[in-house]
PDB file of N, CA and C in Angstrom:
ATOM      1  N   MET A   1      -7.922  47.748 -71.781  1.00  0.00           N
ATOM      2  CA  MET A   1      -9.172  47.090 -72.134  1.00  0.00           C
ATOM      3  C   MET A   1      -8.904  45.648 -72.527  1.00  0.00           C
ATOM      4  N   LEU A   2      -9.690  44.761 -71.985  1.00  0.00           N
ATOM      5  CA  LEU A   2      -9.555  43.341 -72.309  1.00  0.00           C
ATOM      6  C   LEU A   2     -10.181  43.051 -73.667  1.00  0.00           C
ATOM      7  N   THR A   3      -9.521  42.202 -74.439  1.00  0.00           N
ATOM      8  CA  THR A   3     -10.053  41.724 -75.710  1.00  0.00           C
ATOM      9  C   THR A   3     -10.019  40.199 -75.691  1.00  0.00           C
ATOM     10  N   GLU A   4     -10.525  39.587 -76.748  1.00  0.00           N
ATOM     11  CA  GLU A   4     -10.534  38.123 -76.837  1.00  0.00           C
ATOM     12  C   GLU A   4      -9.129  37.544 -76.807  1.00  0.00           C
ATOM     13  N   ASN A   5      -8.144  38.296 -77.295  1.00  0.00           N
ATOM     14  CA  ASN A   5      -6.768  37.789 -77.369  1.00  0.00           C
ATOM     15  C   ASN A   5      -5.953  38.060 -76.108  1.00  0.00           C
ATOM     16  N   THR A   6      -6.522  38.780 -75.154  1.00  0.00           N
ATOM     17  CA  THR A   6      -5.810  39.083 -73.916  1.00  0.00           C
ATOM     18  C   THR A   6      -5.547  37.798 -73.140  1.00  0.00           C
ATOM     19  N   LYS A   7      -4.320  37.647 -72.679  1.00  0.00           N
ATOM     20  CA  LYS A   7      -3.967  36.493 -71.850  1.00  0.00           C
ATOM     21  C   LYS A   7      -4.092  36.902 -70.386  1.00  0.00           C
ATOM     22  N   ILE A   8      -4.660  36.009 -69.602  1.00  0.00           N
ATOM     23  CA  ILE A   8      -4.841  36.261 -68.180  1.00  0.00           C
ATOM     24  C   ILE A   8      -4.353  35.055 -67.381  1.00  0.00           C
ATOM     25  N   LYS A   9      -4.106  35.306 -66.131  1.00  0.00           N
ATOM     26  CA  LYS A   9      -3.694  34.248 -65.209  1.00  0.00           C
ATOM     27  C   LYS A   9      -4.195  34.620 -63.821  1.00  0.00           C
ATOM     28  N   ARG A  10      -4.594  33.639 -63.079  1.00  0.00           N
ATOM     29  CA  ARG A  10      -5.042  33.864 -61.713  1.00  0.00           C
ATOM     30  C   ARG A  10      -3.844  34.244 -60.847  1.00  0.00           C
ATOM     31  N   THR A  11      -4.030  35.242 -59.979  1.00  0.00           N
ATOM     32  CA  THR A  11      -2.996  35.620 -59.026  1.00  0.00           C
ATOM     33  C   THR A  11      -2.909  34.525 -57.963  1.00  0.00           C
ATOM     34  N   ASP A  12      -1.709  34.259 -57.493  1.00  0.00           N
ATOM     35  CA  ASP A  12      -1.504  33.215 -56.489  1.00  0.00           C
ATOM     36  C   ASP A  12      -1.956  33.729 -55.121  1.00  0.00           C
ATOM     37  N   LEU A  13      -3.211  33.444 -54.795  1.00  0.00           N
ATOM     38  CA  LEU A  13      -3.824  33.915 -53.553  1.00  0.00           C
ATOM     39  C   LEU A  13      -4.502  32.751 -52.836  1.00  0.00           C
ATOM     40  N   PRO A  14      -4.648  32.838 -51.532  1.00  0.00           N
ATOM     41  CA  PRO A  14      -5.408  31.808 -50.813  1.00  0.00           C
ATOM     42  C   PRO A  14      -6.892  31.919 -51.166  1.00  0.00           C
ATOM     43  N   TRP A  15      -7.530  30.762 -51.368  1.00  0.00           N
ATOM     44  CA  TRP A  15      -8.940  30.755 -51.709  1.00  0.00           C
ATOM     45  C   TRP A  15      -9.574  29.443 -51.267  1.00  0.00           C
ATOM     46  N   GLN A  16     -10.900  29.466 -51.211  1.00  0.00           N
ATOM     47  CA  GLN A  16     -11.642  28.261 -50.852  1.00  0.00           C
ATOM     48  C   GLN A  16     -13.008  28.299 -51.521  1.00  0.00           C
ATOM     49  N   ALA A  17     -13.391  27.171 -52.102  1.00  0.00           N
ATOM     50  CA  ALA A  17     -14.724  27.032 -52.682  1.00  0.00           C
ATOM     51  C   ALA A  17     -15.688  26.650 -51.568  1.00  0.00           C
ATOM     52  N   ILE A  18     -16.819  27.344 -51.514  1.00  0.00           N
ATOM     53  CA  ILE A  18     -17.854  27.087 -50.516  1.00  0.00           C
ATOM     54  C   ILE A  18     -19.176  27.026 -51.263  1.00  0.00           C
ATOM     55  N   GLU A  19     -19.687  25.815 -51.451  1.00  0.00           N
ATOM     56  CA  GLU A  19     -20.898  25.569 -52.236  1.00  0.00           C
ATOM     57  C   GLU A  19     -20.731  26.186 -53.621  1.00  0.00           C
ATOM     58  N   ASP A  20     -21.599  27.116 -54.031  1.00  0.00           N
ATOM     59  CA  ASP A  20     -21.525  27.701 -55.377  1.00  0.00           C
ATOM     60  C   ASP A  20     -20.691  28.974 -55.427  1.00  0.00           C
ATOM     61  N   GLN A  21     -20.034  29.305 -54.336  1.00  0.00           N
ATOM     62  CA  GLN A  21     -19.253  30.528 -54.287  1.00  0.00           C
ATOM     63  C   GLN A  21     -17.797  30.212 -53.959  1.00  0.00           C
ATOM     64  N   THR A  22     -16.961  31.191 -54.184  1.00  0.00           N
ATOM     65  CA  THR A  22     -15.541  31.068 -53.867  1.00  0.00           C
ATOM     66  C   THR A  22     -15.136  32.287 -53.051  1.00  0.00           C
ATOM     67  N   LEU A  23     -14.358  32.049 -52.037  1.00  0.00           N
ATOM     68  CA  LEU A  23     -13.830  33.120 -51.197  1.00  0.00           C
ATOM     69  C   LEU A  23     -12.334  33.241 -51.485  1.00  0.00           C
ATOM     70  N   VAL A  24     -11.917  34.421 -51.925  1.00  0.00           N
ATOM     71  CA  VAL A  24     -10.518  34.678 -52.252  1.00  0.00           C
ATOM     72  C   VAL A  24     -10.008  35.767 -51.314  1.00  0.00           C
ATOM     73  N   LEU A  25      -8.851  35.523 -50.721  1.00  0.00           N
ATOM     74  CA  LEU A  25      -8.262  36.490 -49.793  1.00  0.00           C
ATOM     75  C   LEU A  25      -7.110  37.218 -50.463  1.00  0.00           C
ATOM     76  N   THR A  26      -7.068  38.545 -50.269  1.00  0.00           N
ATOM     77  CA  THR A  26      -5.926  39.333 -50.724  1.00  0.00           C
ATOM     78  C   THR A  26      -5.236  39.884 -49.473  1.00  0.00           C
ATOM     79  N   PRO A  27      -4.202  39.182 -49.014  1.00  0.00           N
ATOM     80  CA  PRO A  27      -3.537  39.543 -47.761  1.00  0.00           C
ATOM     81  C   PRO A  27      -2.948  40.953 -47.732  1.00  0.00           C
ATOM     82  N   GLU A  28      -2.492  41.477 -48.889  1.00  0.00           N
ATOM     83  CA  GLU A  28      -1.848  42.796 -48.873  1.00  0.00           C
ATOM     84  C   GLU A  28      -2.787  43.912 -48.433  1.00  0.00           C
ATOM     85  N   ASN A  29      -4.107  43.722 -48.615  1.00  0.00           N
ATOM     86  CA  ASN A  29      -5.054  44.741 -48.146  1.00  0.00           C
ATOM     87  C   ASN A  29      -6.093  44.162 -47.181  1.00  0.00           C
ATOM     88  N   SER A  30      -5.841  42.946 -46.710  1.00  0.00           N
ATOM     89  CA  SER A  30      -6.715  42.267 -45.746  1.00  0.00           C
ATOM     90  C   SER A  30      -8.173  42.212 -46.202  1.00  0.00           C
ATOM     91  N   MET A  31      -8.367  41.924 -47.488  1.00  0.00           N
ATOM     92  CA  MET A  31      -9.716  41.855 -48.050  1.00  0.00           C
ATOM     93  C   MET A  31     -10.103  40.400 -48.341  1.00  0.00           C
ATOM     94  N   ALA A  32     -11.394  40.142 -48.201  1.00  0.00           N
ATOM     95  CA  ALA A  32     -11.966  38.860 -48.599  1.00  0.00           C
ATOM     96  C   ALA A  32     -12.944  39.153 -49.737  1.00  0.00           C
ATOM     97  N   HIS A  33     -12.805  38.439 -50.835  1.00  0.00           N
ATOM     98  CA  HIS A  33     -13.640  38.647 -52.017  1.00  0.00           C
ATOM     99  C   HIS A  33     -14.544  37.429 -52.191  1.00  0.00           C
ATOM    100  N   GLU A  34     -15.828  37.654 -52.129  1.00  0.00           N
ATOM    101  CA  GLU A  34     -16.813  36.587 -52.277  1.00  0.00           C
ATOM    102  C   GLU A  34     -17.271  36.567 -53.731  1.00  0.00           C
ATOM    103  N   LEU A  35     -16.930  35.500 -54.436  1.00  0.00           N
ATOM    104  CA  LEU A  35     -17.254  35.382 -55.855  1.00  0.00           C
ATOM    105  C   LEU A  35     -18.555  34.603 -56.026  1.00  0.00           C
ATOM    106  N   ASN A  36     -19.442  35.107 -56.886  1.00  0.00           N
ATOM    107  CA  ASN A  36     -20.690  34.402 -57.165  1.00  0.00           C
ATOM    108  C   ASN A  36     -20.414  33.195 -58.068  1.00  0.00           C
ATOM    109  N   LEU A  37     -21.462  32.518 -58.483  1.00  0.00           N
ATOM    110  CA  LEU A  37     -21.323  31.294 -59.282  1.00  0.00           C
ATOM    111  C   LEU A  37     -20.503  31.530 -60.546  1.00  0.00           C
ATOM    112  N   THR A  38     -20.837  32.567 -61.307  1.00  0.00           N
ATOM    113  CA  THR A  38     -20.130  32.834 -62.562  1.00  0.00           C
ATOM    114  C   THR A  38     -18.680  33.219 -62.296  1.00  0.00           C
ATOM    115  N   ALA A  39     -18.451  34.120 -61.371  1.00  0.00           N
ATOM    116  CA  ALA A  39     -17.080  34.535 -61.050  1.00  0.00           C
ATOM    117  C   ALA A  39     -16.270  33.368 -60.488  1.00  0.00           C
ATOM    118  N   SER A  40     -16.926  32.498 -59.718  1.00  0.00           N
ATOM    119  CA  SER A  40     -16.252  31.302 -59.187  1.00  0.00           C
ATOM    120  C   SER A  40     -15.826  30.384 -60.313  1.00  0.00           C
ATOM    121  N   TRP A  41     -16.722  30.199 -61.290  1.00  0.00           N
ATOM    122  CA  TRP A  41     -16.388  29.351 -62.443  1.00  0.00           C
ATOM    123  C   TRP A  41     -15.185  29.931 -63.169  1.00  0.00           C
ATOM    124  N   ILE A  42     -15.193  31.242 -63.391  1.00  0.00           N
ATOM    125  CA  ILE A  42     -14.071  31.895 -64.066  1.00  0.00           C
ATOM    126  C   ILE A  42     -12.794  31.684 -63.262  1.00  0.00           C
ATOM    127  N   TRP A  43     -12.844  31.960 -61.960  1.00  0.00           N
ATOM    128  CA  TRP A  43     -11.668  31.809 -61.094  1.00  0.00           C
ATOM    129  C   TRP A  43     -11.084  30.399 -61.200  1.00  0.00           C
ATOM    130  N   GLN A  44     -11.945  29.408 -61.147  1.00  0.00           N
ATOM    131  CA  GLN A  44     -11.475  28.024 -61.142  1.00  0.00           C
ATOM    132  C   GLN A  44     -11.008  27.553 -62.513  1.00  0.00           C
ATOM    133  N   ASN A  45     -11.298  28.311 -63.564  1.00  0.00           N
ATOM    134  CA  ASN A  45     -10.884  27.930 -64.907  1.00  0.00           C
ATOM    135  C   ASN A  45      -9.735  28.765 -65.461  1.00  0.00           C
ATOM    136  N   ILE A  46      -9.136  29.601 -64.633  1.00  0.00           N
ATOM    137  CA  ILE A  46      -7.977  30.373 -65.097  1.00  0.00           C
ATOM    138  C   ILE A  46      -6.754  30.090 -64.230  1.00  0.00           C
ATOM    139  N   HIS A  47      -6.664  28.872 -63.704  1.00  0.00           N
ATOM    140  CA  HIS A  47      -5.512  28.517 -62.872  1.00  0.00           C
ATOM    141  C   HIS A  47      -4.223  28.530 -63.675  1.00  0.00           C
ATOM    142  N   ASN A  48      -4.301  28.332 -64.968  1.00  0.00           N
ATOM    143  CA  ASN A  48      -3.146  28.459 -65.857  1.00  0.00           C
ATOM    144  C   ASN A  48      -3.398  29.634 -66.791  1.00  0.00           C
ATOM    145  N   GLU A  49      -2.354  30.076 -67.462  1.00  0.00           N
ATOM    146  CA  GLU A  49      -2.499  31.158 -68.436  1.00  0.00           C
ATOM    147  C   GLU A  49      -3.512  30.754 -69.499  1.00  0.00           C
ATOM    148  N   ILE A  50      -4.439  31.669 -69.817  1.00  0.00           N
ATOM    149  CA  ILE A  50      -5.483  31.385 -70.792  1.00  0.00           C
ATOM    150  C   ILE A  50      -5.898  32.691 -71.458  1.00  0.00           C
ATOM    151  N   THR A  51      -6.320  32.609 -72.698  1.00  0.00           N
ATOM    152  CA  THR A  51      -6.840  33.814 -73.358  1.00  0.00           C
ATOM    153  C   THR A  51      -8.313  33.985 -72.987  1.00  0.00           C
ATOM    154  N   VAL A  52      -8.785  35.205 -73.102  1.00  0.00           N
ATOM    155  CA  VAL A  52     -10.196  35.471 -72.839  1.00  0.00           C
ATOM    156  C   VAL A  52     -11.055  34.644 -73.793  1.00  0.00           C
ATOM    157  N   GLN A  53     -10.631  34.502 -75.056  1.00  0.00           N
ATOM    158  CA  GLN A  53     -11.404  33.723 -76.031  1.00  0.00           C
ATOM    159  C   GLN A  53     -11.524  32.257 -75.621  1.00  0.00           C
ATOM    160  N   LYS A  54     -10.437  31.653 -75.174  1.00  0.00           N
ATOM    161  CA  LYS A  54     -10.499  30.250 -74.749  1.00  0.00           C
ATOM    162  C   LYS A  54     -11.392  30.091 -73.523  1.00  0.00           C
ATOM    163  N   LEU A  55     -11.318  31.051 -72.618  1.00  0.00           N
ATOM    164  CA  LEU A  55     -12.185  31.024 -71.443  1.00  0.00           C
ATOM    165  C   LEU A  55     -13.648  31.155 -71.871  1.00  0.00           C
ATOM    166  N   LEU A  56     -13.921  32.042 -72.796  1.00  0.00           N
ATOM    167  CA  LEU A  56     -15.278  32.220 -73.321  1.00  0.00           C
ATOM    168  C   LEU A  56     -15.774  30.944 -73.993  1.00  0.00           C
ATOM    169  N   ASP A  57     -14.937  30.310 -74.792  1.00  0.00           N
ATOM    170  CA  ASP A  57     -15.317  29.057 -75.459  1.00  0.00           C
ATOM    171  C   ASP A  57     -15.697  27.980 -74.446  1.00  0.00           C
ATOM    172  N   LYS A  58     -14.899  27.843 -73.402  1.00  0.00           N
ATOM    173  CA  LYS A  58     -15.191  26.866 -72.343  1.00  0.00           C
ATOM    174  C   LYS A  58     -16.497  27.211 -71.635  1.00  0.00           C
ATOM    175  N   PHE A  59     -16.700  28.495 -71.370  1.00  0.00           N
ATOM    176  CA  PHE A  59     -17.900  28.964 -70.680  1.00  0.00           C
ATOM    177  C   PHE A  59     -19.155  28.632 -71.491  1.00  0.00           C
ATOM    178  N   LEU A  60     -19.091  28.864 -72.797  1.00  0.00           N
ATOM    179  CA  LEU A  60     -20.247  28.607 -73.671  1.00  0.00           C
ATOM    180  C   LEU A  60     -20.589  27.125 -73.751  1.00  0.00           C
ATOM    181  N   LEU A  61     -19.604  26.257 -73.547  1.00  0.00           N
ATOM    182  CA  LEU A  61     -19.871  24.818 -73.528  1.00  0.00           C
ATOM    183  C   LEU A  61     -20.612  24.393 -72.263  1.00  0.00           C
ATOM    184  N   GLU A  62     -20.426  25.136 -71.181  1.00  0.00           N
ATOM    185  CA  GLU A  62     -21.016  24.760 -69.894  1.00  0.00           C
ATOM    186  C   GLU A  62     -22.333  25.450 -69.566  1.00  0.00           C
ATOM    187  N   PHE A  63     -22.546  26.649 -70.109  1.00  0.00           N
ATOM    188  CA  PHE A  63     -23.716  27.427 -69.748  1.00  0.00           C
ATOM    189  C   PHE A  63     -24.566  27.736 -70.971  1.00  0.00           C
ATOM    190  N   ASP A  64     -25.866  27.750 -70.775  1.00  0.00           N
ATOM    191  CA  ASP A  64     -26.820  28.053 -71.845  1.00  0.00           C
ATOM    192  C   ASP A  64     -27.035  29.568 -71.884  1.00  0.00           C
ATOM    193  N   ILE A  65     -26.173  30.247 -72.629  1.00  0.00           N
ATOM    194  CA  ILE A  65     -26.203  31.706 -72.711  1.00  0.00           C
ATOM    195  C   ILE A  65     -25.701  32.098 -74.095  1.00  0.00           C
ATOM    196  N   ASP A  66     -26.208  33.216 -74.615  1.00  0.00           N
ATOM    197  CA  ASP A  66     -25.740  33.629 -75.936  1.00  0.00           C
ATOM    198  C   ASP A  66     -24.327  34.205 -75.845  1.00  0.00           C
ATOM    199  N   LYS A  67     -23.610  34.125 -76.956  1.00  0.00           N
ATOM    200  CA  LYS A  67     -22.196  34.474 -76.982  1.00  0.00           C
ATOM    201  C   LYS A  67     -21.948  35.938 -76.614  1.00  0.00           C
ATOM    202  N   THR A  68     -22.769  36.849 -77.105  1.00  0.00           N
ATOM    203  CA  THR A  68     -22.559  38.274 -76.823  1.00  0.00           C
ATOM    204  C   THR A  68     -22.711  38.574 -75.340  1.00  0.00           C
ATOM    205  N   THR A  69     -23.762  38.046 -74.732  1.00  0.00           N
ATOM    206  CA  THR A  69     -23.982  38.257 -73.302  1.00  0.00           C
ATOM    207  C   THR A  69     -22.846  37.643 -72.496  1.00  0.00           C
ATOM    208  N   ALA A  70     -22.456  36.424 -72.852  1.00  0.00           N
ATOM    209  CA  ALA A  70     -21.368  35.743 -72.145  1.00  0.00           C
ATOM    210  C   ALA A  70     -20.079  36.547 -72.244  1.00  0.00           C
ATOM    211  N   LYS A  71     -19.755  37.014 -73.429  1.00  0.00           N
ATOM    212  CA  LYS A  71     -18.519  37.789 -73.628  1.00  0.00           C
ATOM    213  C   LYS A  71     -18.546  39.053 -72.773  1.00  0.00           C
ATOM    214  N   ASN A  72     -19.649  39.776 -72.807  1.00  0.00           N
ATOM    215  CA  ASN A  72     -19.751  41.009 -72.013  1.00  0.00           C
ATOM    216  C   ASN A  72     -19.639  40.721 -70.523  1.00  0.00           C
ATOM    217  N   ASP A  73     -20.321  39.669 -70.054  1.00  0.00           N
ATOM    218  CA  ASP A  73     -20.272  39.303 -68.638  1.00  0.00           C
ATOM    219  C   ASP A  73     -18.864  38.902 -68.207  1.00  0.00           C
ATOM    220  N   ILE A  74     -18.205  38.093 -69.022  1.00  0.00           N
ATOM    221  CA  ILE A  74     -16.863  37.621 -68.688  1.00  0.00           C
ATOM    222  C   ILE A  74     -15.876  38.787 -68.661  1.00  0.00           C
ATOM    223  N   ILE A  75     -15.929  39.648 -69.651  1.00  0.00           N
ATOM    224  CA  ILE A  75     -15.014  40.789 -69.683  1.00  0.00           C
ATOM    225  C   ILE A  75     -15.279  41.713 -68.500  1.00  0.00           C
ATOM    226  N   ASP A  76     -16.548  41.921 -68.153  1.00  0.00           N
ATOM    227  CA  ASP A  76     -16.887  42.750 -66.997  1.00  0.00           C
ATOM    228  C   ASP A  76     -16.324  42.148 -65.708  1.00  0.00           C
ATOM    229  N   LEU A  77     -16.533  40.844 -65.519  1.00  0.00           N
ATOM    230  CA  LEU A  77     -16.031  40.190 -64.302  1.00  0.00           C
ATOM    231  C   LEU A  77     -14.504  40.173 -64.258  1.00  0.00           C
ATOM    232  N   LEU A  78     -13.861  39.925 -65.391  1.00  0.00           N
ATOM    233  CA  LEU A  78     -12.397  39.918 -65.424  1.00  0.00           C
ATOM    234  C   LEU A  78     -11.835  41.305 -65.131  1.00  0.00           C
ATOM    235  N   THR A  79     -12.507  42.340 -65.619  1.00  0.00           N
ATOM    236  CA  THR A  79     -12.081  43.710 -65.340  1.00  0.00           C
ATOM    237  C   THR A  79     -12.164  43.998 -63.840  1.00  0.00           C
ATOM    238  N   LYS A  80     -13.256  43.552 -63.211  1.00  0.00           N
ATOM    239  CA  LYS A  80     -13.400  43.720 -61.762  1.00  0.00           C
ATOM    240  C   LYS A  80     -12.352  42.910 -61.011  1.00  0.00           C
ATOM    241  N   MET A  81     -12.104  41.679 -61.459  1.00  0.00           N
ATOM    242  CA  MET A  81     -11.090  40.840 -60.819  1.00  0.00           C
ATOM    243  C   MET A  81      -9.708  41.482 -60.941  1.00  0.00           C
ATOM    244  N   ASP A  82      -9.417  42.064 -62.092  1.00  0.00           N
ATOM    245  CA  ASP A  82      -8.138  42.742 -62.278  1.00  0.00           C
ATOM    246  C   ASP A  82      -8.037  43.935 -61.333  1.00  0.00           C
ATOM    247  N   GLY A  83      -9.101  44.694 -61.197  1.00  0.00           N
ATOM    248  CA  GLY A  83      -9.108  45.842 -60.299  1.00  0.00           C
ATOM    249  C   GLY A  83      -8.897  45.460 -58.851  1.00  0.00           C
ATOM    250  N   ASN A  84      -9.293  44.238 -58.488  1.00  0.00           N
ATOM    251  CA  ASN A  84      -9.108  43.735 -57.124  1.00  0.00           C
ATOM    252  C   ASN A  84      -7.839  42.893 -56.988  1.00  0.00           C
ATOM    253  N   HIS A  85      -7.027  42.851 -58.042  1.00  0.00           N
ATOM    254  CA  HIS A  85      -5.739  42.134 -58.063  1.00  0.00           C
ATOM    255  C   HIS A  85      -5.911  40.620 -57.889  1.00  0.00           C
ATOM    256  N   LEU A  86      -7.047  40.099 -58.369  1.00  0.00           N
ATOM    257  CA  LEU A  86      -7.272  38.659 -58.306  1.00  0.00           C
ATOM    258  C   LEU A  86      -6.694  37.932 -59.509  1.00  0.00           C
ATOM    259  N   ILE A  87      -6.531  38.666 -60.618  1.00  0.00           N
ATOM    260  CA  ILE A  87      -5.933  38.089 -61.822  1.00  0.00           C
ATOM    261  C   ILE A  87      -4.811  38.994 -62.295  1.00  0.00           C
ATOM    262  N   GLN A  88      -3.991  38.402 -63.170  1.00  0.00           N
ATOM    263  CA  GLN A  88      -2.919  39.152 -63.820  1.00  0.00           C
ATOM    264  C   GLN A  88      -3.221  39.199 -65.302  1.00  0.00           C
ATOM    265  N   ILE A  89      -3.080  40.364 -65.884  1.00  0.00           N
ATOM    266  CA  ILE A  89      -3.215  40.514 -67.340  1.00  0.00           C
ATOM    267  C   ILE A  89      -1.811  40.400 -67.892  1.00  0.00           C
ATOM    268  N   LEU A  90      -1.630  39.450 -68.795  1.00  0.00           N
ATOM    269  CA  LEU A  90      -0.279  39.174 -69.317  1.00  0.00           C
ATOM    270  C   LEU A  90      -0.053  39.832 -70.671  1.00  0.00           C
TER     271      LEU A  90
END
């Protein structure tokens, strides 16, 4: 389970930003992952090792959303990204 103190890092995968979305390829299973605006923002902000809390803090500065909703959304998206091997939990 991810917590605020969990450190994450983006997996080194080929990707491309296309308008408000990001396309990430996972060659080991020949999958293409289409990330929406929020998931794209997360992807582009975890290029270096970062804690979930620091990512949440950055997110709250950019988006007009309450902290509880943002935290739940970010943890949900990170959990999905981890399941698809797009990020590494450190």
